[in-house]
Amino acid sequence: MELSCGACTYHQIIEVGQQEEWKAFPSMLTYGMGNYTSALPFLFVPPYQEPLVSRQKITDSMRAYIIKTYHAHIDEIEEGWVPHQYDLFQCPCCLRISTHFWCALFLKTEIIEPVHQCEHDGSKLRRLSLSDIHQIQCPQCSNRELRIR
């Protein structure tokens, strides 16, 4: 999918949604069924074996936290179902747009979601909705003329 601005030359290729090769949650965060059944996070997987969600999309510590929380509260999560996909995020300070892994663990007392930080300035990223993309500021010119193709 392409993200571009109608007011300037900003252009970015983005990847959103679920990937075909993803298995059930949270096995797609680990390498193989052995790690899924033992709940071992990526930190215990040999470094040459990448999980299905790349390191660029979610940090190792956040991956481990989500897997641990999922297994600790699996009885609260209805039928073990967790929405998960790649989503768009934007930095509130520098306006950079990036794609990261998103999921939501709906617990009785709270909703657990990954927290992502801007690689440029460390700010907490905001999740964007594709339906509201025309209201988002362009990272290059700050106009609100972003479009998806």
N, C-alpha and C. Protein backbone atom coordinates (compact mmCIF):
# COMPACT_ATOMS: atom_id res chain seq x y z
N MET A 1 0.84 -1.16 0.00
CA MET A 1 0.00 0.00 0.00
C MET A 1 0.90 1.24 0.00
N GLU A 2 0.48 2.30 -0.68
CA GLU A 2 1.26 3.53 -0.75
C GLU A 2 0.58 4.65 0.00
N LEU A 3 1.37 5.41 0.73
CA LEU A 3 0.90 6.58 1.45
C LEU A 3 1.59 7.78 0.82
N SER A 4 0.82 8.78 0.38
CA SER A 4 1.42 9.95 -0.24
C SER A 4 0.65 11.20 0.17
N CYS A 5 1.27 12.34 -0.09
CA CYS A 5 0.67 13.63 0.26
C CYS A 5 0.28 14.36 -1.02
N GLY A 6 -0.90 14.98 -1.01
CA GLY A 6 -1.36 15.73 -2.18
C GLY A 6 -0.76 17.12 -2.26
N ALA A 7 -0.07 17.57 -1.20
CA ALA A 7 0.48 18.92 -1.18
C ALA A 7 2.00 18.97 -1.38
N CYS A 8 2.68 17.82 -1.23
CA CYS A 8 4.14 17.81 -1.38
C CYS A 8 4.58 16.48 -1.99
N THR A 9 5.86 16.19 -1.93
CA THR A 9 6.41 14.98 -2.57
C THR A 9 6.50 13.79 -1.61
N TYR A 10 5.94 13.91 -0.42
CA TYR A 10 6.02 12.81 0.55
C TYR A 10 5.40 11.55 -0.05
N HIS A 11 6.12 10.43 0.11
CA HIS A 11 5.66 9.14 -0.42
C HIS A 11 6.28 8.05 0.44
N GLN A 12 5.48 7.06 0.85
CA GLN A 12 5.99 5.96 1.67
C GLN A 12 5.20 4.69 1.35
N ILE A 13 5.92 3.58 1.23
CA ILE A 13 5.29 2.27 1.08
C ILE A 13 5.01 1.76 2.49
N ILE A 14 3.77 1.34 2.75
CA ILE A 14 3.41 0.87 4.09
C ILE A 14 2.87 -0.55 4.02
N GLU A 15 3.02 -1.25 5.13
CA GLU A 15 2.56 -2.63 5.25
C GLU A 15 1.61 -2.70 6.44
N VAL A 16 0.33 -2.96 6.18
CA VAL A 16 -0.65 -3.05 7.25
C VAL A 16 -1.45 -4.35 7.11
N GLY A 17 -2.11 -4.76 8.21
CA GLY A 17 -2.94 -5.96 8.20
C GLY A 17 -2.18 -7.19 8.65
N GLN A 18 -2.84 -8.33 8.56
CA GLN A 18 -2.24 -9.61 8.95
C GLN A 18 -1.51 -10.23 7.77
N GLN A 19 -0.47 -10.95 8.08
CA GLN A 19 0.29 -11.65 7.05
C GLN A 19 -0.26 -13.08 6.90
N GLU A 20 -0.23 -13.60 5.70
CA GLU A 20 -0.78 -14.93 5.43
C GLU A 20 -0.09 -16.03 6.22
N GLU A 21 1.22 -15.86 6.46
CA GLU A 21 1.97 -16.93 7.12
C GLU A 21 1.80 -16.92 8.64
N TRP A 22 1.10 -15.92 9.19
CA TRP A 22 0.91 -15.87 10.63
C TRP A 22 0.02 -17.00 11.10
N LYS A 23 0.39 -17.59 12.21
CA LYS A 23 -0.42 -18.62 12.84
C LYS A 23 -1.28 -17.96 13.90
N ALA A 24 -1.85 -18.73 14.81
CA ALA A 24 -2.69 -18.18 15.87
C ALA A 24 -1.86 -17.34 16.83
N PHE A 25 -2.50 -16.43 17.50
CA PHE A 25 -1.83 -15.62 18.52
C PHE A 25 -1.69 -16.45 19.78
N PRO A 26 -0.59 -16.47 20.51
CA PRO A 26 0.66 -15.74 20.28
C PRO A 26 1.74 -16.54 19.58
N SER A 27 1.39 -17.69 18.99
CA SER A 27 2.45 -18.51 18.36
C SER A 27 3.17 -17.76 17.26
N MET A 28 2.49 -16.78 16.63
CA MET A 28 3.16 -16.05 15.57
C MET A 28 4.19 -15.06 16.11
N LEU A 29 4.24 -14.86 17.42
CA LEU A 29 5.27 -14.02 18.04
C LEU A 29 6.51 -14.81 18.40
N THR A 30 6.45 -16.13 18.31
CA THR A 30 7.57 -16.98 18.69
C THR A 30 8.03 -17.78 17.48
N TYR A 31 9.06 -18.58 17.69
CA TYR A 31 9.54 -19.45 16.61
C TYR A 31 9.07 -20.87 16.89
N GLY A 32 8.12 -21.34 16.12
CA GLY A 32 7.68 -22.73 16.20
C GLY A 32 6.75 -23.05 17.35
N MET A 33 6.08 -24.19 17.26
CA MET A 33 5.10 -24.60 18.27
C MET A 33 5.75 -24.96 19.60
N GLY A 34 7.00 -25.42 19.60
CA GLY A 34 7.67 -25.74 20.84
C GLY A 34 7.77 -24.54 21.77
N ASN A 35 8.11 -23.40 21.21
CA ASN A 35 8.19 -22.19 22.00
C ASN A 35 6.81 -21.69 22.39
N TYR A 36 5.83 -21.90 21.52
CA TYR A 36 4.46 -21.47 21.83
C TYR A 36 3.91 -22.24 23.04
N THR A 37 4.06 -23.56 23.03
CA THR A 37 3.48 -24.37 24.11
C THR A 37 4.23 -24.18 25.42
N SER A 38 5.52 -23.87 25.36
CA SER A 38 6.27 -23.64 26.59
C SER A 38 6.27 -22.17 26.99
N ALA A 39 5.65 -21.32 26.16
CA ALA A 39 5.53 -19.88 26.40
C ALA A 39 6.87 -19.17 26.45
N LEU A 40 7.88 -19.74 25.79
CA LEU A 40 9.18 -19.07 25.75
C LEU A 40 9.13 -17.91 24.77
N PRO A 41 9.44 -16.72 25.21
CA PRO A 41 9.44 -15.57 24.30
C PRO A 41 10.66 -15.58 23.38
N PHE A 42 10.69 -14.63 22.49
CA PHE A 42 11.75 -14.50 21.50
C PHE A 42 13.13 -14.45 22.14
N LEU A 43 13.23 -13.91 23.35
CA LEU A 43 14.53 -13.75 24.00
C LEU A 43 15.25 -15.09 24.18
N PHE A 44 14.51 -16.20 24.20
CA PHE A 44 15.11 -17.52 24.39
C PHE A 44 15.29 -18.28 23.09
N VAL A 45 14.97 -17.65 21.98
CA VAL A 45 15.08 -18.29 20.67
C VAL A 45 16.47 -17.98 20.11
N PRO A 46 17.13 -18.95 19.47
CA PRO A 46 18.45 -18.67 18.88
C PRO A 46 18.38 -17.45 17.96
N PRO A 47 19.37 -16.55 18.02
CA PRO A 47 19.31 -15.28 17.29
C PRO A 47 19.20 -15.43 15.78
N TYR A 48 19.65 -16.54 15.21
CA TYR A 48 19.56 -16.70 13.76
C TYR A 48 18.16 -17.11 13.29
N GLN A 49 17.27 -17.42 14.21
CA GLN A 49 15.91 -17.81 13.85
C GLN A 49 14.95 -16.67 14.16
N GLU A 50 14.50 -15.96 13.15
CA GLU A 50 13.59 -14.85 13.36
C GLU A 50 12.17 -15.36 13.59
N PRO A 51 11.42 -14.73 14.49
CA PRO A 51 10.01 -15.07 14.62
C PRO A 51 9.23 -14.52 13.43
N LEU A 52 7.95 -14.83 13.35
CA LEU A 52 7.16 -14.38 12.21
C LEU A 52 6.95 -12.87 12.20
N VAL A 53 6.96 -12.24 13.37
CA VAL A 53 6.89 -10.78 13.43
C VAL A 53 8.32 -10.29 13.60
N SER A 54 8.78 -9.45 12.69
CA SER A 54 10.18 -9.04 12.70
C SER A 54 10.52 -8.12 13.85
N ARG A 55 11.82 -8.03 14.15
CA ARG A 55 12.30 -7.16 15.22
C ARG A 55 11.98 -5.70 14.96
N GLN A 56 11.86 -5.31 13.71
CA GLN A 56 11.55 -3.92 13.37
C GLN A 56 10.12 -3.55 13.74
N LYS A 57 9.26 -4.53 13.89
CA LYS A 57 7.84 -4.25 14.13
C LYS A 57 7.47 -4.27 15.61
N ILE A 58 8.27 -4.92 16.45
CA ILE A 58 8.01 -4.96 17.89
C ILE A 58 9.31 -5.31 18.62
N THR A 59 9.56 -4.65 19.73
CA THR A 59 10.81 -4.91 20.45
C THR A 59 10.74 -6.27 21.15
N ASP A 60 11.90 -6.83 21.43
CA ASP A 60 11.97 -8.12 22.11
C ASP A 60 11.33 -8.06 23.49
N SER A 61 11.56 -6.97 24.22
CA SER A 61 10.99 -6.85 25.57
C SER A 61 9.47 -6.73 25.52
N MET A 62 8.94 -6.00 24.54
CA MET A 62 7.48 -5.88 24.41
C MET A 62 6.87 -7.22 23.98
N ARG A 63 7.55 -7.93 23.10
CA ARG A 63 7.10 -9.26 22.65
C ARG A 63 7.01 -10.20 23.86
N ALA A 64 8.05 -10.19 24.69
CA ALA A 64 8.08 -11.06 25.87
C ALA A 64 6.97 -10.67 26.85
N TYR A 65 6.75 -9.38 27.05
CA TYR A 65 5.71 -8.90 27.96
C TYR A 65 4.32 -9.33 27.50
N ILE A 66 4.05 -9.21 26.21
CA ILE A 66 2.73 -9.57 25.67
C ILE A 66 2.49 -11.07 25.81
N ILE A 67 3.49 -11.88 25.48
CA ILE A 67 3.34 -13.34 25.59
C ILE A 67 3.10 -13.73 27.05
N LYS A 68 3.89 -13.16 27.94
CA LYS A 68 3.76 -13.46 29.37
C LYS A 68 2.38 -13.05 29.89
N THR A 69 1.92 -11.86 29.52
CA THR A 69 0.60 -11.38 29.96
C THR A 69 -0.51 -12.24 29.38
N TYR A 70 -0.37 -12.62 28.12
CA TYR A 70 -1.38 -13.48 27.48
C TYR A 70 -1.54 -14.78 28.26
N HIS A 71 -0.43 -15.45 28.55
CA HIS A 71 -0.50 -16.73 29.26
C HIS A 71 -0.97 -16.56 30.71
N ALA A 72 -0.63 -15.45 31.35
CA ALA A 72 -1.05 -15.21 32.74
C ALA A 72 -2.56 -14.94 32.84
N HIS A 73 -3.17 -14.43 31.76
CA HIS A 73 -4.58 -14.05 31.80
C HIS A 73 -5.42 -14.78 30.75
N ILE A 74 -4.96 -15.93 30.30
CA ILE A 74 -5.65 -16.63 29.21
C ILE A 74 -7.10 -16.97 29.56
N ASP A 75 -7.40 -17.19 30.84
CA ASP A 75 -8.78 -17.48 31.23
C ASP A 75 -9.70 -16.28 31.07
N GLU A 76 -9.16 -15.07 31.14
CA GLU A 76 -9.95 -13.85 30.99
C GLU A 76 -10.21 -13.52 29.53
N ILE A 77 -9.34 -13.96 28.65
CA ILE A 77 -9.44 -13.61 27.23
C ILE A 77 -10.44 -14.55 26.58
N GLU A 78 -11.52 -13.99 26.07
CA GLU A 78 -12.60 -14.79 25.52
C GLU A 78 -12.12 -15.68 24.39
N GLU A 79 -12.19 -16.99 24.62
CA GLU A 79 -11.78 -18.02 23.67
C GLU A 79 -10.34 -17.85 23.21
N GLY A 80 -9.54 -17.14 23.98
CA GLY A 80 -8.14 -16.93 23.62
C GLY A 80 -7.94 -16.04 22.41
N TRP A 81 -9.01 -15.34 21.96
CA TRP A 81 -8.94 -14.52 20.75
C TRP A 81 -8.32 -13.16 21.04
N VAL A 82 -7.35 -12.79 20.23
CA VAL A 82 -6.68 -11.50 20.36
C VAL A 82 -6.53 -10.90 18.96
N PRO A 83 -7.10 -9.71 18.73
CA PRO A 83 -6.87 -9.08 17.42
C PRO A 83 -5.40 -8.71 17.31
N HIS A 84 -4.79 -8.97 16.15
CA HIS A 84 -3.38 -8.67 15.95
C HIS A 84 -3.10 -8.43 14.48
N GLN A 85 -2.26 -7.42 14.21
CA GLN A 85 -1.93 -7.04 12.84
C GLN A 85 -0.82 -6.00 12.84
N TYR A 86 -0.34 -5.65 11.65
CA TYR A 86 0.53 -4.49 11.51
C TYR A 86 -0.37 -3.28 11.35
N ASP A 87 -0.05 -2.20 12.05
CA ASP A 87 -0.82 -0.96 11.98
C ASP A 87 0.10 0.23 11.78
N LEU A 88 -0.51 1.36 11.38
CA LEU A 88 0.23 2.60 11.22
C LEU A 88 0.31 3.34 12.55
N PHE A 89 1.46 3.94 12.80
CA PHE A 89 1.67 4.75 14.00
C PHE A 89 2.35 6.04 13.58
N GLN A 90 2.08 7.11 14.35
CA GLN A 90 2.72 8.39 14.06
C GLN A 90 3.29 9.00 15.34
N CYS A 91 4.43 9.64 15.20
CA CYS A 91 5.05 10.34 16.32
C CYS A 91 4.35 11.69 16.47
N PRO A 92 3.91 12.04 17.67
CA PRO A 92 3.24 13.33 17.87
C PRO A 92 4.19 14.52 17.77
N CYS A 93 5.49 14.28 17.87
CA CYS A 93 6.47 15.37 17.83
C CYS A 93 7.02 15.61 16.42
N CYS A 94 7.66 14.59 15.85
CA CYS A 94 8.29 14.77 14.53
C CYS A 94 7.38 14.38 13.37
N LEU A 95 6.21 13.80 13.67
CA LEU A 95 5.18 13.41 12.68
C LEU A 95 5.58 12.23 11.80
N ARG A 96 6.70 11.58 12.06
CA ARG A 96 7.09 10.42 11.25
C ARG A 96 6.04 9.32 11.37
N ILE A 97 5.79 8.66 10.27
CA ILE A 97 4.81 7.57 10.22
C ILE A 97 5.56 6.26 10.02
N SER A 98 5.17 5.24 10.78
CA SER A 98 5.83 3.94 10.69
C SER A 98 4.80 2.83 10.90
N THR A 99 5.19 1.62 10.54
CA THR A 99 4.33 0.46 10.71
C THR A 99 4.89 -0.38 11.84
N HIS A 100 4.01 -0.81 12.76
CA HIS A 100 4.42 -1.64 13.88
C HIS A 100 3.36 -2.71 14.15
N PHE A 101 3.76 -3.71 14.93
CA PHE A 101 2.83 -4.75 15.33
C PHE A 101 1.89 -4.20 16.40
N TRP A 102 0.60 -4.48 16.28
CA TRP A 102 -0.40 -4.08 17.26
C TRP A 102 -1.26 -5.29 17.62
N CYS A 103 -1.63 -5.37 18.87
CA CYS A 103 -2.59 -6.36 19.34
C CYS A 103 -3.30 -5.76 20.54
N ALA A 104 -4.36 -6.40 21.00
CA ALA A 104 -5.08 -5.92 22.18
C ALA A 104 -5.52 -7.12 23.01
N LEU A 105 -5.02 -7.18 24.25
CA LEU A 105 -5.46 -8.20 25.19
C LEU A 105 -6.56 -7.57 26.03
N PHE A 106 -7.80 -7.99 25.81
CA PHE A 106 -8.94 -7.44 26.53
C PHE A 106 -9.13 -8.20 27.84
N LEU A 107 -8.64 -7.59 28.93
CA LEU A 107 -8.74 -8.18 30.26
C LEU A 107 -9.89 -7.54 31.01
N LYS A 108 -10.28 -8.11 32.15
CA LYS A 108 -11.40 -7.58 32.92
C LYS A 108 -11.15 -6.16 33.39
N THR A 109 -9.92 -5.84 33.76
CA THR A 109 -9.63 -4.54 34.35
C THR A 109 -8.92 -3.57 33.41
N GLU A 110 -8.39 -4.07 32.30
CA GLU A 110 -7.65 -3.19 31.40
C GLU A 110 -7.49 -3.81 30.02
N ILE A 111 -7.00 -3.01 29.10
CA ILE A 111 -6.66 -3.48 27.76
C ILE A 111 -5.15 -3.31 27.61
N ILE A 112 -4.46 -4.39 27.29
CA ILE A 112 -3.01 -4.37 27.11
C ILE A 112 -2.70 -4.27 25.62
N GLU A 113 -1.94 -3.25 25.25
CA GLU A 113 -1.51 -3.05 23.87
C GLU A 113 -0.01 -2.76 23.86
N PRO A 114 0.69 -3.10 22.78
CA PRO A 114 2.11 -2.76 22.71
C PRO A 114 2.31 -1.24 22.72
N VAL A 115 3.37 -0.81 23.34
CA VAL A 115 3.76 0.60 23.33
C VAL A 115 4.98 0.71 22.43
N HIS A 116 4.90 1.61 21.45
CA HIS A 116 6.02 1.80 20.52
C HIS A 116 6.55 3.23 20.68
N GLN A 117 7.86 3.37 20.52
CA GLN A 117 8.49 4.68 20.63
C GLN A 117 9.13 5.08 19.32
N CYS A 118 9.14 6.37 19.07
CA CYS A 118 9.76 6.92 17.87
C CYS A 118 11.26 6.66 17.92
N GLU A 119 11.81 6.14 16.84
CA GLU A 119 13.24 5.88 16.77
C GLU A 119 14.04 7.17 16.72
N HIS A 120 13.40 8.25 16.27
CA HIS A 120 14.09 9.53 16.11
C HIS A 120 14.18 10.31 17.42
N ASP A 121 13.05 10.44 18.15
CA ASP A 121 13.06 11.28 19.35
C ASP A 121 12.55 10.59 20.62
N GLY A 122 12.17 9.32 20.54
CA GLY A 122 11.77 8.56 21.72
C GLY A 122 10.36 8.80 22.21
N SER A 123 9.57 9.61 21.51
CA SER A 123 8.18 9.87 21.91
C SER A 123 7.32 8.64 21.74
N LYS A 124 6.27 8.53 22.55
CA LYS A 124 5.32 7.42 22.43
C LYS A 124 4.49 7.63 21.17
N LEU A 125 4.46 6.60 20.32
CA LEU A 125 3.73 6.70 19.05
C LEU A 125 2.23 6.54 19.25
N ARG A 126 1.46 7.23 18.41
CA ARG A 126 0.00 7.11 18.40
C ARG A 126 -0.40 6.20 17.25
N ARG A 127 -1.37 5.33 17.52
CA ARG A 127 -1.89 4.43 16.49
C ARG A 127 -2.84 5.23 15.59
N LEU A 128 -2.72 5.03 14.27
CA LEU A 128 -3.56 5.72 13.30
C LEU A 128 -4.62 4.80 12.73
N SER A 129 -5.72 5.37 12.35
CA SER A 129 -6.78 4.64 11.67
C SER A 129 -6.71 4.97 10.18
N LEU A 130 -6.75 3.97 9.33
CA LEU A 130 -6.70 4.21 7.89
C LEU A 130 -7.88 5.06 7.41
N SER A 131 -9.02 4.92 8.07
CA SER A 131 -10.20 5.70 7.66
C SER A 131 -10.04 7.19 7.98
N ASP A 132 -9.14 7.54 8.89
CA ASP A 132 -8.91 8.93 9.26
C ASP A 132 -7.63 9.50 8.67
N ILE A 133 -7.04 8.82 7.70
CA ILE A 133 -5.72 9.20 7.19
C ILE A 133 -5.74 10.61 6.60
N HIS A 134 -6.87 11.05 6.05
CA HIS A 134 -6.94 12.39 5.47
C HIS A 134 -6.87 13.50 6.54
N GLN A 135 -7.03 13.15 7.81
CA GLN A 135 -6.96 14.13 8.90
C GLN A 135 -5.58 14.16 9.57
N ILE A 136 -4.68 13.29 9.12
CA ILE A 136 -3.35 13.17 9.71
C ILE A 136 -2.39 14.14 9.03
N GLN A 137 -1.51 14.77 9.82
CA GLN A 137 -0.54 15.69 9.26
C GLN A 137 0.56 14.94 8.51
N CYS A 138 0.94 15.49 7.37
CA CYS A 138 2.03 14.93 6.57
C CYS A 138 3.35 15.14 7.32
N PRO A 139 4.20 14.11 7.40
CA PRO A 139 5.49 14.25 8.07
C PRO A 139 6.44 15.24 7.41
N GLN A 140 6.22 15.51 6.13
CA GLN A 140 7.13 16.38 5.39
C GLN A 140 6.68 17.84 5.37
N CYS A 141 5.38 18.09 5.12
CA CYS A 141 4.92 19.48 4.97
C CYS A 141 3.89 19.90 6.03
N SER A 142 3.43 18.98 6.86
CA SER A 142 2.46 19.21 7.94
C SER A 142 1.04 19.48 7.46
N ASN A 143 0.80 19.45 6.15
CA ASN A 143 -0.57 19.60 5.64
C ASN A 143 -1.36 18.33 5.91
N ARG A 144 -2.65 18.42 5.86
CA ARG A 144 -3.53 17.27 6.10
C ARG A 144 -4.08 16.77 4.77
N GLU A 145 -3.18 16.34 3.91
CA GLU A 145 -3.57 15.87 2.58
C GLU A 145 -2.98 14.50 2.26
N LEU A 146 -2.89 13.64 3.28
CA LEU A 146 -2.37 12.29 3.05
C LEU A 146 -3.43 11.45 2.35
N ARG A 147 -2.96 10.58 1.48
CA ARG A 147 -3.85 9.68 0.73
C ARG A 147 -3.24 8.29 0.68
N ILE A 148 -4.11 7.30 0.56
CA ILE A 148 -3.66 5.91 0.44
C ILE A 148 -4.01 5.42 -0.96
N ARG A 149 -3.07 4.74 -1.58
CA ARG A 149 -3.30 4.13 -2.89
C ARG A 149 -3.02 2.65 -2.79
